[in-house]
Every structure is written in C-alpha cells, then in structure tokens.
Amino acid sequence: MIRLIAFLLLVAVLNQMCKVTDDNHFTTSNTISLDHHPSKLGVCWVGGDSITNHNFEQLKSVHGNWISQTPFAWQPDIFGPELNLNTERAWWGEADRGLIHTAKIAKEEGLKTMLKPHIWIRSANGKWRSDLKMKNEKDWDEWFKNYEIMIMHYAKLAQANDMEALCIGTELHLTTKFHPDRWRAIIKKIRSVYDGELTYAANWYKEYEDITFWDELDYIGIQAYFPLSNSEEPSKEELLKNWEKHKRAMKKVATTYNKKIVFTEIGYKNTADSAIEPWTWPQKMDADKVKHSEITQLNLYEAMFETLYHETWVDGFFIWKWFHTTHRYNEFAEYFKAREARFDSLRRVRNRPDRPRVYFTPQRTKAIHVLRDWYGKNAVE
C-alpha cells in the first residue's frame, strides 16, 4: 500500500513537471499553465495614410487587443549627439496628429495603444542604434539631454491622449549597458508626467540580460528576433527544441526582477531562411536569390506560440508588422495591391533594383490563421 501511494505521488509530480501544450508538445517547464493567457495580443501598427474605424476590422477579426505606434527621431550617425525630432513633417501615421487620431480610433474599437518611439540613424555605415557610442562624456551629456527632450515630448503626448503604455526606448544597447543611472533618471522624469505602463524594448542579443533597471519598469520588453536554426526550412520540432535555451534565459531574467515579459516585436518573413536571421529586412535581400516558404513562416509562428503563450511569465506579443488599409480601401488585398504598385512606380523612377516580394506581416499568408487561433484562445476559453 505504501509503495502504491508513493508511486501515485511520483506520477502526480511528473505530470505537474511535464505539462502538455495544445499541440501535444512536451516541455519540462514548471511555469506553464494552460489557464494562463497573455493580456497583450498586439501588432506593430504601420503608420501611413489617414485611417478610420473600418481599418481595425482585420485586426479585430484575429482577436488583437493592442497596437504599438512608432514615431521616429533622426540621428545623423552613431558617434554624434545630434538628435532631431520632427513631429509634423513625417508620415501622417508617425506625426503627432496621426498618432493621436490612430489611438483615438483604436480606443473606440476597444483596442489599447503602446507608444514606441525609435531612433533612425541616417548614415549608419553598417552600424545601427544599438552601437551608439559618443566620443566623450560631454557628447554623452548632450545626447541624453536631447533624448530626454524627445521622450518627454512623447510621454506628455501619451498622457494627454490616454495611451495605455509607453516604451521609453528601443534597442539602444550601449546606452543602457554603460549608463543605467541616466536611464533611471529619465524614467523618474517620465513617471512625473505619465501614469500609464512603462517598458523598454531590449534587443534579443545580450541587451535584455545586460539591463539593470528593469525594476523601475512595469514589464520587460524584448525585441525577440532569436535565431532558431542554421538551415533553411527547419521542421517545427527543430524550432521547438531551439526555443528552449532562449526560454530558459528569458525566464531567468523575469524571475530575477519579478517582472513579466512582453515581446515588443516578434515576427517572421515568408522565406525559407527566416529562422536563421529573423531580423533581416526584406529590402536588404537579393530578389533573385529569395526562396519563398509559407510553411517555414507557419512553423515559426506555431513554434513561437506553443513555446511561449502559456508561460506564466509571458504577458504579451506585438507582431511585426501589421499594415492597415486606408480610408480609401475597405479590403486589405485591394489596399496592398495599390501599395505595391505605388512602390514599383517609385522604384522605376529612381532606377532601383526589384524589391523581393517578401513580408514580415502574416496578413497575406497562412500564418494569419495561426495568429487568429492563438489570439482567440482567451475569447474561446
């Protein structure tokens, strides 16, 4: 009898440790709960032309409940402190008036908004914003002064327009690693004018582990372009296996700071090699060498959700990226056809090479059905 009781207790413990996801994928994680549903089911909204309520219909049809909006500040290079903010002469959807209108319409449609400013480096020369490195301390003082002016502008805009979350920075690794106290000071000033949720969008490569001021924010933000394979067209089983090391590392940070993680950007292109370097821009790919693969994108989406959705330390996803129609088009396919024609016309006028027909968005591929199924779980259950 004692042996039987001991055996039953052992079975119960093993069952708790080896939970099963909705796709019968076994994992040894003890933080998975099938009752857990992330609160932020979002997309990275592409700011463009003016919109109205019907532009949110497709997003609502896949059960999305958040959008992030991305205005830009412009920096000439990575070594100088100059940072230019132009809140009017920009794409309508990235200018203040567009950000405000989009958030207003989103709220009318039952969606919440994260304002997520980015820095654009004009002359990067192979570098990017994560490599920002001033020449001396005086330049760092000037850079942080300029950055504070920019982010305080958006903090006040978010507060005045009842935007539910503000991302205080995106992929500025060297600044966060070597100047954490300056970031703490910025966070304190933001809190004085903005009472919504705060996060920072850290790059997947080292940055999110290097940051020491997560305790000052409401949750940990990660730009989750983790490499998941060394080969083209990997199987879903390989992707699930390769997610595990990244999941362990993220869980460690979440546990250390007792904060949940939100994936401020995550997504995959419809190409055979999209698991190798998920961050590669479509515009930088050779149109003649691109190998399309919807099944690879599909496998990546399924592996992502099966790995992360039910982890209790995960509280959301923002899919990169989501195109909307404009006020002139009710159907996305109609809008996208016109958009492609416009870009092709510009390419010919400027004598530029063909662009590969490659996209991060799941809106024109089978991956949108995976997105709808997972984002809809909370609605169904």
Protein backbone atom coordinates (compact mmCIF):
# COMPACT_ATOMS: atom_id res chain seq x y z
CA MET A 1 0.00 0.00 0.00
CA ILE A 2 2.83 2.39 0.91
CA ARG A 3 4.55 1.59 -2.41
CA LEU A 4 1.31 2.29 -4.29
CA ILE A 5 0.86 5.67 -2.59
CA ALA A 6 4.50 6.58 -3.31
CA PHE A 7 4.04 5.59 -6.96
CA LEU A 8 0.89 7.71 -7.31
CA LEU A 9 2.64 10.70 -5.74
CA LEU A 10 5.54 10.28 -8.18
CA VAL A 11 3.15 10.19 -11.13
CA ALA A 12 1.43 13.37 -9.90
CA VAL A 13 4.76 15.20 -9.59
CA LEU A 14 5.90 14.11 -13.04
CA ASN A 15 2.58 15.14 -14.53
CA GLN A 16 2.97 18.61 -12.99
CA MET A 17 6.53 18.96 -14.33
CA CYS A 18 5.80 17.61 -17.80
CA LYS A 19 2.83 19.58 -18.99
CA VAL A 20 1.41 19.30 -22.48
CA THR A 21 0.66 22.18 -24.80
CA ASP A 22 -2.32 22.34 -27.11
CA ASP A 23 -0.28 20.64 -29.86
CA ASN A 24 0.89 17.75 -27.64
CA HIS A 25 4.35 19.28 -27.37
CA PHE A 26 6.02 18.12 -24.17
CA THR A 27 8.12 20.52 -22.17
CA THR A 28 9.83 20.31 -18.79
CA SER A 29 8.85 23.86 -17.84
CA ASN A 30 7.13 24.13 -14.48
CA THR A 31 5.79 27.62 -15.21
CA ILE A 32 3.36 26.61 -17.93
CA SER A 33 -0.33 26.89 -17.19
CA LEU A 34 -3.00 26.18 -19.76
CA ASP A 35 -5.17 28.62 -17.83
CA HIS A 36 -2.72 31.46 -18.49
CA HIS A 37 -3.47 33.88 -21.32
CA PRO A 38 -1.21 36.89 -22.06
CA SER A 39 -3.06 40.19 -21.71
CA LYS A 40 -1.41 41.94 -24.67
CA LEU A 41 -2.31 40.43 -28.02
CA GLY A 42 -0.82 43.12 -30.18
CA VAL A 43 0.64 44.10 -33.51
CA CYS A 44 3.17 46.71 -34.59
CA TRP A 45 0.97 49.13 -36.49
CA VAL A 46 2.46 50.59 -39.68
CA GLY A 47 1.87 54.35 -39.67
CA GLY A 48 0.94 55.63 -43.09
CA ASP A 49 -2.12 57.33 -44.53
CA SER A 50 -5.13 58.55 -42.60
CA ILE A 51 -7.50 55.95 -41.22
CA THR A 52 -10.97 55.50 -39.86
CA ASN A 53 -12.77 52.82 -37.84
CA HIS A 54 -13.01 50.18 -40.55
CA ASN A 55 -9.21 49.98 -40.72
CA PHE A 56 -9.21 47.97 -37.50
CA GLU A 57 -11.62 45.30 -38.69
CA GLN A 58 -9.00 42.79 -39.81
CA LEU A 59 -7.06 43.14 -36.55
CA LYS A 60 -10.21 42.65 -34.53
CA SER A 61 -11.05 39.58 -36.61
CA VAL A 62 -7.87 37.90 -35.32
CA HIS A 63 -8.72 38.96 -31.73
CA GLY A 64 -5.96 41.56 -31.42
CA ASN A 65 -6.41 43.97 -28.50
CA TRP A 66 -3.28 46.20 -28.64
CA ILE A 67 -1.31 48.16 -31.21
CA SER A 68 2.08 49.80 -30.93
CA GLN A 69 2.73 53.04 -32.80
CA THR A 70 6.25 54.05 -33.82
CA PRO A 71 7.24 57.66 -34.40
CA PHE A 72 10.90 58.44 -35.19
CA ALA A 73 13.64 60.77 -34.09
CA TRP A 74 16.51 61.18 -36.53
CA GLN A 75 20.23 60.96 -35.79
CA PRO A 76 22.93 61.70 -38.41
CA ASP A 77 25.34 58.95 -37.25
CA ILE A 78 26.19 56.82 -34.22
CA PHE A 79 29.04 58.99 -32.94
CA GLY A 80 27.40 62.40 -32.55
CA PRO A 81 24.87 63.71 -30.00
CA GLU A 82 22.58 65.41 -32.51
CA LEU A 83 19.04 64.07 -32.38
CA ASN A 84 16.29 65.68 -34.43
CA LEU A 85 12.62 65.45 -33.63
CA ASN A 86 10.09 66.47 -36.26
CA THR A 87 6.58 65.85 -35.08
CA GLU A 88 4.76 67.30 -38.10
CA ARG A 89 6.76 66.74 -41.30
CA ALA A 90 6.55 62.96 -41.23
CA TRP A 91 4.30 60.21 -42.49
CA TRP A 92 0.80 61.07 -41.30
CA GLY A 93 0.73 57.97 -39.07
CA GLU A 94 4.07 58.86 -37.48
CA ALA A 95 3.36 62.57 -36.93
CA ASP A 96 1.70 63.71 -33.71
CA ARG A 97 -1.66 64.29 -35.38
CA GLY A 98 -1.67 60.76 -36.81
CA LEU A 99 -0.57 59.14 -33.55
CA ILE A 100 -3.33 60.93 -31.67
CA HIS A 101 -6.04 60.12 -34.23
CA THR A 102 -4.99 56.47 -34.51
CA ALA A 103 -5.02 55.98 -30.74
CA LYS A 104 -8.44 57.62 -30.54
CA ILE A 105 -9.95 55.35 -33.20
CA ALA A 106 -8.26 52.30 -31.65
CA LYS A 107 -9.85 53.10 -28.30
CA GLU A 108 -13.25 53.48 -29.95
CA GLU A 109 -12.76 49.98 -31.36
CA GLY A 110 -11.78 48.52 -27.98
CA LEU A 111 -8.01 48.39 -28.54
CA LYS A 112 -5.20 49.80 -26.41
CA THR A 113 -2.09 51.65 -27.58
CA MET A 114 1.60 51.45 -26.77
CA LEU A 115 3.58 54.46 -28.00
CA LYS A 116 7.03 53.19 -29.01
CA PRO A 117 9.45 55.82 -30.37
CA HIS A 118 12.50 54.69 -32.36
CA ILE A 119 15.74 56.38 -33.38
CA TRP A 120 16.63 56.24 -37.08
CA ILE A 121 20.32 56.52 -37.95
CA ARG A 122 20.64 58.29 -41.30
CA SER A 123 24.25 57.33 -42.08
CA ALA A 124 24.67 54.01 -40.34
CA ASN A 125 27.55 52.58 -42.43
CA GLY A 126 26.81 49.05 -41.31
CA LYS A 127 26.05 50.08 -37.72
CA TRP A 128 22.72 50.70 -36.03
CA ARG A 129 21.22 52.35 -32.96
CA SER A 130 22.44 49.58 -30.66
CA ASP A 131 26.02 50.70 -31.46
CA LEU A 132 25.59 54.35 -30.40
CA LYS A 133 28.90 55.45 -28.93
CA MET A 134 29.73 59.06 -28.17
CA LYS A 135 33.32 60.31 -28.40
CA ASN A 136 33.46 61.78 -24.90
CA GLU A 137 31.45 62.43 -21.77
CA LYS A 138 30.39 65.88 -22.94
CA ASP A 139 28.78 64.34 -26.01
CA TRP A 140 27.03 61.76 -23.85
CA ASP A 141 25.62 64.57 -21.72
CA GLU A 142 24.34 66.27 -24.86
CA TRP A 143 22.90 63.05 -26.30
CA PHE A 144 20.97 62.20 -23.15
CA LYS A 145 19.74 65.80 -22.93
CA ASN A 146 18.40 65.55 -26.48
CA TYR A 147 16.95 62.10 -25.86
CA GLU A 148 15.16 63.34 -22.75
CA ILE A 149 13.58 66.18 -24.74
CA MET A 150 12.33 63.66 -27.30
CA ILE A 151 10.97 61.04 -24.93
CA MET A 152 9.35 63.62 -22.63
CA HIS A 153 7.50 65.00 -25.64
CA TYR A 154 6.03 61.56 -26.30
CA ALA A 155 5.37 60.90 -22.61
CA LYS A 156 3.25 64.07 -22.43
CA LEU A 157 1.53 63.20 -25.71
CA ALA A 158 0.71 59.71 -24.40
CA GLN A 159 -0.65 61.12 -21.14
CA ALA A 160 -2.75 63.79 -22.84
CA ASN A 161 -4.31 61.23 -25.17
CA ASP A 162 -4.81 58.41 -22.68
CA MET A 163 -2.42 55.97 -24.37
CA GLU A 164 -2.14 52.97 -22.12
CA ALA A 165 1.61 52.23 -22.43
CA LEU A 166 4.85 53.98 -23.34
CA CYS A 167 8.04 52.26 -24.45
CA ILE A 168 10.83 54.57 -23.25
CA GLY A 169 13.48 53.34 -25.71
CA THR A 170 14.27 50.73 -28.32
CA GLU A 171 17.49 48.76 -28.91
CA LEU A 172 19.97 51.30 -27.51
CA HIS A 173 22.25 48.67 -26.02
CA LEU A 174 25.45 50.59 -25.28
CA THR A 175 23.49 53.40 -23.65
CA THR A 176 21.60 51.01 -21.36
CA LYS A 177 24.64 48.89 -20.51
CA PHE A 178 27.05 51.69 -19.62
CA HIS A 179 24.67 54.45 -18.48
CA PRO A 180 21.93 52.79 -16.41
CA ASP A 181 21.76 55.66 -13.92
CA ARG A 182 20.95 58.10 -16.71
CA TRP A 183 18.08 55.83 -17.74
CA ARG A 184 16.83 55.67 -14.16
CA ALA A 185 16.78 59.47 -14.09
CA ILE A 186 14.81 59.56 -17.36
CA ILE A 187 12.31 57.02 -16.02
CA LYS A 188 11.78 59.14 -12.91
CA LYS A 189 11.05 62.22 -15.03
CA ILE A 190 8.68 60.26 -17.27
CA ARG A 191 6.78 58.99 -14.21
CA SER A 192 6.25 62.62 -13.15
CA VAL A 193 4.18 63.36 -16.28
CA TYR A 194 2.85 59.96 -17.39
CA ASP A 195 0.89 57.46 -15.31
CA GLY A 196 0.49 54.60 -17.80
CA GLU A 197 2.58 51.46 -18.13
CA LEU A 198 6.29 51.77 -18.94
CA THR A 199 8.66 49.35 -20.62
CA TYR A 200 11.85 49.37 -22.66
CA ALA A 201 12.31 47.33 -25.88
CA ALA A 202 15.63 45.50 -25.47
CA ASN A 203 17.35 43.68 -28.29
CA TRP A 204 17.31 39.88 -28.03
CA TYR A 205 21.11 39.67 -28.28
CA LYS A 206 22.58 40.32 -24.83
CA GLU A 207 20.82 43.62 -24.16
CA TYR A 208 17.80 42.34 -22.25
CA GLU A 209 20.20 40.39 -20.00
CA ASP A 210 22.53 43.38 -19.53
CA ILE A 211 19.89 45.88 -18.43
CA THR A 212 19.85 46.56 -14.70
CA PHE A 213 16.91 48.97 -14.43
CA TRP A 214 14.08 46.54 -15.18
CA ASP A 215 12.99 47.03 -11.56
CA GLU A 216 11.96 50.60 -12.46
CA LEU A 217 9.63 49.48 -15.27
CA ASP A 218 6.29 47.69 -15.35
CA TYR A 219 7.46 44.80 -17.52
CA ILE A 220 10.43 43.59 -19.53
CA GLY A 221 10.28 44.30 -23.25
CA ILE A 222 12.17 42.15 -25.74
CA GLN A 223 12.65 42.51 -29.49
CA ALA A 224 12.54 38.75 -29.93
CA TYR A 225 14.34 38.00 -33.20
CA PHE A 226 16.16 34.99 -31.78
CA PRO A 227 17.89 32.78 -34.38
CA LEU A 228 16.19 29.38 -34.29
CA SER A 229 18.01 27.34 -36.95
CA ASN A 230 21.15 27.19 -39.07
CA SER A 231 19.33 25.77 -42.07
CA GLU A 232 16.52 26.62 -44.45
CA GLU A 233 13.02 25.24 -43.94
CA PRO A 234 13.55 23.78 -40.46
CA SER A 235 10.92 21.47 -39.05
CA LYS A 236 8.66 22.64 -36.25
CA GLU A 237 10.27 20.06 -33.98
CA GLU A 238 13.69 21.64 -34.51
CA LEU A 239 12.29 25.09 -33.84
CA LEU A 240 10.61 23.95 -30.62
CA LYS A 241 13.88 22.42 -29.45
CA ASN A 242 15.90 25.52 -30.27
CA TRP A 243 13.49 27.82 -28.45
CA GLU A 244 14.31 26.11 -25.14
CA LYS A 245 17.68 27.80 -24.46
CA HIS A 246 16.21 31.22 -25.19
CA LYS A 247 13.23 30.47 -23.00
CA ARG A 248 15.45 29.49 -20.09
CA ALA A 249 17.47 32.70 -20.38
CA MET A 250 14.35 34.89 -20.53
CA LYS A 251 12.74 33.10 -17.61
CA LYS A 252 15.87 33.72 -15.54
CA VAL A 253 15.66 37.49 -16.12
CA ALA A 254 11.91 37.54 -15.47
CA THR A 255 12.45 35.66 -12.21
CA THR A 256 15.36 37.89 -11.12
CA TYR A 257 13.30 41.05 -11.45
CA ASN A 258 9.90 39.52 -10.68
CA LYS A 259 8.57 41.07 -13.90
CA LYS A 260 6.63 39.61 -16.79
CA ILE A 261 7.96 39.75 -20.33
CA VAL A 262 6.21 41.35 -23.29
CA PHE A 263 7.61 40.76 -26.77
CA THR A 264 7.62 44.32 -28.08
CA GLU A 265 8.48 42.95 -31.53
CA ILE A 266 8.33 39.39 -32.78
CA GLY A 267 7.64 38.03 -36.25
CA TYR A 268 8.94 36.13 -39.25
CA LYS A 269 9.20 36.56 -43.00
CA ASN A 270 7.68 34.18 -45.54
CA THR A 271 11.08 32.85 -46.68
CA ALA A 272 12.91 29.55 -46.35
CA ASP A 273 15.75 31.14 -44.35
CA SER A 274 13.65 33.21 -41.97
CA ALA A 275 14.64 31.14 -38.92
CA ILE A 276 18.36 31.79 -39.50
CA GLU A 277 18.39 35.57 -39.13
CA PRO A 278 14.80 36.61 -38.40
CA TRP A 279 15.81 40.27 -38.11
CA THR A 280 16.97 40.68 -41.73
CA TRP A 281 14.99 43.36 -43.55
CA PRO A 282 13.25 42.23 -46.74
CA GLN A 283 14.65 45.29 -48.56
CA LYS A 284 18.17 44.02 -47.93
CA MET A 285 17.52 40.64 -49.54
CA ASP A 286 18.50 39.78 -53.11
CA ALA A 287 15.29 39.44 -55.12
CA ASP A 288 16.93 36.87 -57.43
CA LYS A 289 18.01 34.62 -54.55
CA VAL A 290 14.96 34.79 -52.31
CA LYS A 291 13.29 31.43 -51.71
CA HIS A 292 9.72 31.87 -50.56
CA SER A 293 8.33 29.46 -48.00
CA GLU A 294 4.99 29.91 -46.30
CA ILE A 295 5.45 26.63 -44.46
CA THR A 296 8.59 27.97 -42.75
CA GLN A 297 6.74 31.07 -41.62
CA LEU A 298 3.85 28.89 -40.49
CA ASN A 299 6.16 26.59 -38.49
CA LEU A 300 7.84 29.59 -36.87
CA TYR A 301 4.52 31.05 -35.75
CA GLU A 302 3.33 27.73 -34.37
CA ALA A 303 6.60 27.07 -32.52
CA MET A 304 6.60 30.60 -31.09
CA PHE A 305 3.12 30.32 -29.63
CA GLU A 306 3.48 26.72 -28.46
CA THR A 307 6.67 27.65 -26.64
CA LEU A 308 5.65 30.95 -25.08
CA TYR A 309 1.91 31.58 -24.94
CA HIS A 310 1.12 29.57 -21.80
CA GLU A 311 4.27 30.55 -19.88
CA THR A 312 3.03 32.46 -16.84
CA TRP A 313 5.92 34.96 -17.09
CA VAL A 314 4.86 35.99 -20.62
CA ASP A 315 2.26 38.74 -20.84
CA GLY A 316 2.10 39.66 -24.49
CA PHE A 317 3.15 39.76 -28.11
CA PHE A 318 3.41 42.57 -30.64
CA ILE A 319 3.63 41.01 -34.10
CA TRP A 320 5.96 42.74 -36.55
CA LYS A 321 4.27 44.03 -38.52
CA TRP A 322 0.69 45.00 -39.41
CA PHE A 323 -0.37 47.00 -42.44
CA HIS A 324 -3.75 48.69 -42.41
CA THR A 325 -5.88 49.78 -45.27
CA THR A 326 -6.52 53.49 -45.64
CA HIS A 327 -9.78 55.39 -45.51
CA ARG A 328 -9.99 54.78 -49.29
CA TYR A 329 -9.86 50.98 -49.14
CA ASN A 330 -12.12 48.66 -47.22
CA GLU A 331 -10.32 45.44 -48.22
CA PHE A 332 -6.71 44.75 -47.31
CA ALA A 333 -5.98 42.94 -50.59
CA GLU A 334 -7.17 45.95 -52.56
CA TYR A 335 -5.04 48.31 -50.48
CA PHE A 336 -1.94 46.13 -50.70
CA LYS A 337 -2.18 45.85 -54.48
CA ALA A 338 -2.28 49.66 -54.75
CA ARG A 339 0.58 49.97 -52.27
CA GLU A 340 2.80 47.61 -54.26
CA ALA A 341 2.01 49.44 -57.49
CA ARG A 342 3.00 52.75 -55.90
CA PHE A 343 6.34 51.39 -54.65
CA ASP A 344 7.08 49.75 -58.01
CA SER A 345 6.45 53.06 -59.73
CA LEU A 346 8.86 54.85 -57.38
CA ARG A 347 11.45 52.14 -57.92
CA ARG A 348 11.34 52.59 -61.69
CA VAL A 349 11.56 56.39 -61.45
CA ARG A 350 14.56 56.14 -59.14
CA ASN A 351 16.14 53.35 -61.19
CA ARG A 352 16.38 50.99 -58.23
CA PRO A 353 16.52 47.17 -58.43
CA ASP A 354 13.46 44.99 -57.98
CA ARG A 355 12.28 44.52 -54.42
CA PRO A 356 11.75 40.95 -53.27
CA ARG A 357 8.11 40.15 -52.60
CA VAL A 358 8.89 39.28 -49.00
CA TYR A 359 6.98 40.46 -45.96
CA PHE A 360 7.05 40.15 -42.19
CA THR A 361 3.31 40.58 -41.95
CA PRO A 362 1.21 37.41 -41.68
CA GLN A 363 -1.71 39.22 -43.31
CA ARG A 364 -1.20 37.70 -46.77
CA THR A 365 -0.05 34.21 -45.74
CA LYS A 366 -1.36 31.17 -43.90
CA ALA A 367 0.35 32.36 -40.72
CA ILE A 368 -2.60 34.65 -40.08
CA HIS A 369 -4.71 31.57 -39.27
CA VAL A 370 -2.18 30.56 -36.59
CA LEU A 371 -2.29 34.08 -35.19
CA ARG A 372 -6.09 34.04 -35.14
CA ASP A 373 -6.19 30.66 -33.38
CA TRP A 374 -3.79 31.66 -30.59
CA TYR A 375 -5.02 35.19 -30.11
CA GLY A 376 -8.54 33.80 -29.98
CA LYS A 377 -7.87 31.28 -27.20
CA ASN A 378 -8.85 33.62 -24.40
CA ALA A 379 -12.04 34.59 -26.24
CA VAL A 380 -12.98 30.92 -26.68
CA GLU A 381 -11.87 29.59 -23.32
